[in-house]
Amino acid sequence: MKLLDRTLVNLSSKEEPDRLGHISLYKLNNNNLYYVYFIEARYFGCQEVEYKTNTIIKDERISDDYHYSIDLFFNDKNRYLGWDRMFGGDFMTEGYQQILAQD
């Protein structure tokens, strides 16, 4: 498994005005993409996407924090803040591809 990218995501809503999360994107040994979702610094769920067909193979969310709006927020590229907003820089080299939200 190789880390490809990560991005901070604005998960704010009327009920949770300052909520943030992030997505880490990995490439598995079989070339599938593996998205790992976090709310604040806590694991929220994951998704494995088959690299040739872009088909979701695995989709998992923890039930105690799950609400469909969180998935909508994670998939809304307008809510992506980048990684440097949190840490002041990024470890990725020039030319890496940003995380792509699933259509």
Protein backbone atom coordinates (compact mmCIF):
# COMPACT_ATOMS: atom_id res chain seq x y z
CA MET A 1 0.00 0.00 0.00
CA LYS A 2 1.40 3.39 -1.01
CA LEU A 3 0.11 6.77 0.17
CA LEU A 4 -0.71 8.87 -2.90
CA ASP A 5 -2.41 11.92 -1.45
CA ARG A 6 -4.37 13.41 1.41
CA THR A 7 -6.54 16.46 1.77
CA LEU A 8 -8.29 18.34 4.52
CA VAL A 9 -12.08 18.55 4.07
CA ASN A 10 -14.55 21.07 5.47
CA LEU A 11 -17.31 18.99 7.08
CA SER A 12 -19.05 21.95 8.72
CA SER A 13 -22.81 22.08 8.95
CA LYS A 14 -25.36 24.05 10.93
CA GLU A 15 -25.18 21.43 13.70
CA GLU A 16 -21.35 21.14 13.61
CA PRO A 17 -20.03 24.55 12.44
CA ASP A 18 -16.30 23.87 12.89
CA ARG A 19 -16.02 20.21 11.93
CA LEU A 20 -13.09 19.14 9.78
CA GLY A 21 -12.04 15.81 8.36
CA HIS A 22 -9.54 14.46 5.92
CA ILE A 23 -9.15 11.85 3.22
CA SER A 24 -6.05 9.73 2.72
CA LEU A 25 -5.74 8.07 -0.69
CA TYR A 26 -3.66 4.91 -1.08
CA LYS A 27 -2.74 2.71 -4.01
CA LEU A 28 -2.96 -0.98 -3.12
CA ASN A 29 -0.60 -3.65 -4.43
CA ASN A 30 -3.30 -4.72 -6.90
CA ASN A 31 -3.45 -1.08 -8.20
CA ASN A 32 -6.89 -0.43 -6.69
CA LEU A 33 -7.44 2.91 -4.99
CA TYR A 34 -8.21 2.90 -1.27
CA TYR A 35 -9.79 6.00 0.29
CA VAL A 36 -9.69 6.33 4.08
CA TYR A 37 -11.98 8.93 5.65
CA PHE A 38 -11.46 10.64 9.00
CA ILE A 39 -13.64 13.03 10.99
CA GLU A 40 -11.35 15.22 13.04
CA ALA A 41 -8.55 12.71 13.76
CA ARG A 42 -10.84 9.69 14.15
CA TYR A 43 -11.42 6.94 11.58
CA PHE A 44 -14.81 7.24 9.86
CA GLY A 45 -14.75 4.79 6.97
CA CYS A 46 -13.09 3.53 3.83
CA GLN A 47 -13.76 2.76 0.20
CA GLU A 48 -11.87 0.54 -2.25
CA VAL A 49 -12.23 1.31 -5.96
CA GLU A 50 -11.24 -1.14 -8.70
CA TYR A 51 -8.62 0.58 -10.86
CA LYS A 52 -9.77 -0.60 -14.30
CA THR A 53 -13.52 -0.07 -14.01
CA ASN A 54 -13.72 2.56 -11.26
CA THR A 55 -16.21 0.26 -9.51
CA ILE A 56 -16.57 0.43 -5.74
CA ILE A 57 -15.51 -2.93 -4.30
CA LYS A 58 -15.69 -2.11 -0.61
CA ASP A 59 -17.56 0.67 1.16
CA GLU A 60 -17.55 0.87 4.95
CA ARG A 61 -18.63 3.49 7.48
CA ILE A 62 -18.73 3.36 11.27
CA SER A 63 -22.35 3.31 12.31
CA ASP A 64 -22.21 5.54 15.40
CA ASP A 65 -21.18 8.67 13.44
CA TYR A 66 -22.78 7.86 10.10
CA HIS A 67 -25.07 10.34 8.42
CA TYR A 68 -25.45 10.53 4.65
CA SER A 69 -24.55 14.24 4.63
CA ILE A 70 -20.99 13.37 5.71
CA ASP A 71 -20.56 11.29 2.53
CA LEU A 72 -21.88 14.19 0.48
CA PHE A 73 -19.40 16.56 2.12
CA PHE A 74 -16.46 14.17 1.55
CA ASN A 75 -17.38 13.89 -2.16
CA ASP A 76 -17.86 17.64 -2.70
CA LYS A 77 -14.59 18.95 -4.18
CA ASN A 78 -15.62 22.50 -3.22
CA ARG A 79 -15.10 21.48 0.41
CA TYR A 80 -11.51 20.30 -0.18
CA LEU A 81 -9.08 22.59 1.62
CA GLY A 82 -5.77 20.97 0.73
CA TRP A 83 -3.27 19.73 3.26
CA ASP A 84 -1.16 22.85 3.81
CA ARG A 85 -4.03 24.61 5.61
CA MET A 86 -3.47 22.29 8.54
CA PHE A 87 0.25 21.66 8.50
CA GLY A 88 1.77 24.53 6.53
CA GLY A 89 3.16 22.33 3.78
CA ASP A 90 2.88 19.03 2.05
CA PHE A 91 5.22 16.09 1.79
CA MET A 92 4.13 15.28 -1.76
CA THR A 93 6.38 16.06 -4.69
CA GLU A 94 5.40 18.21 -7.62
CA GLY A 95 3.17 16.52 -10.15
CA TYR A 96 1.18 14.26 -7.83
CA GLN A 97 -2.52 13.95 -8.62
CA GLN A 98 -5.00 15.38 -6.18
CA ILE A 99 -7.63 13.18 -4.60
CA LEU A 100 -10.56 12.70 -6.93
CA ALA A 101 -14.02 12.51 -5.46
CA GLN A 102 -16.09 9.59 -6.63
CA ASP A 103 -18.73 10.62 -9.16
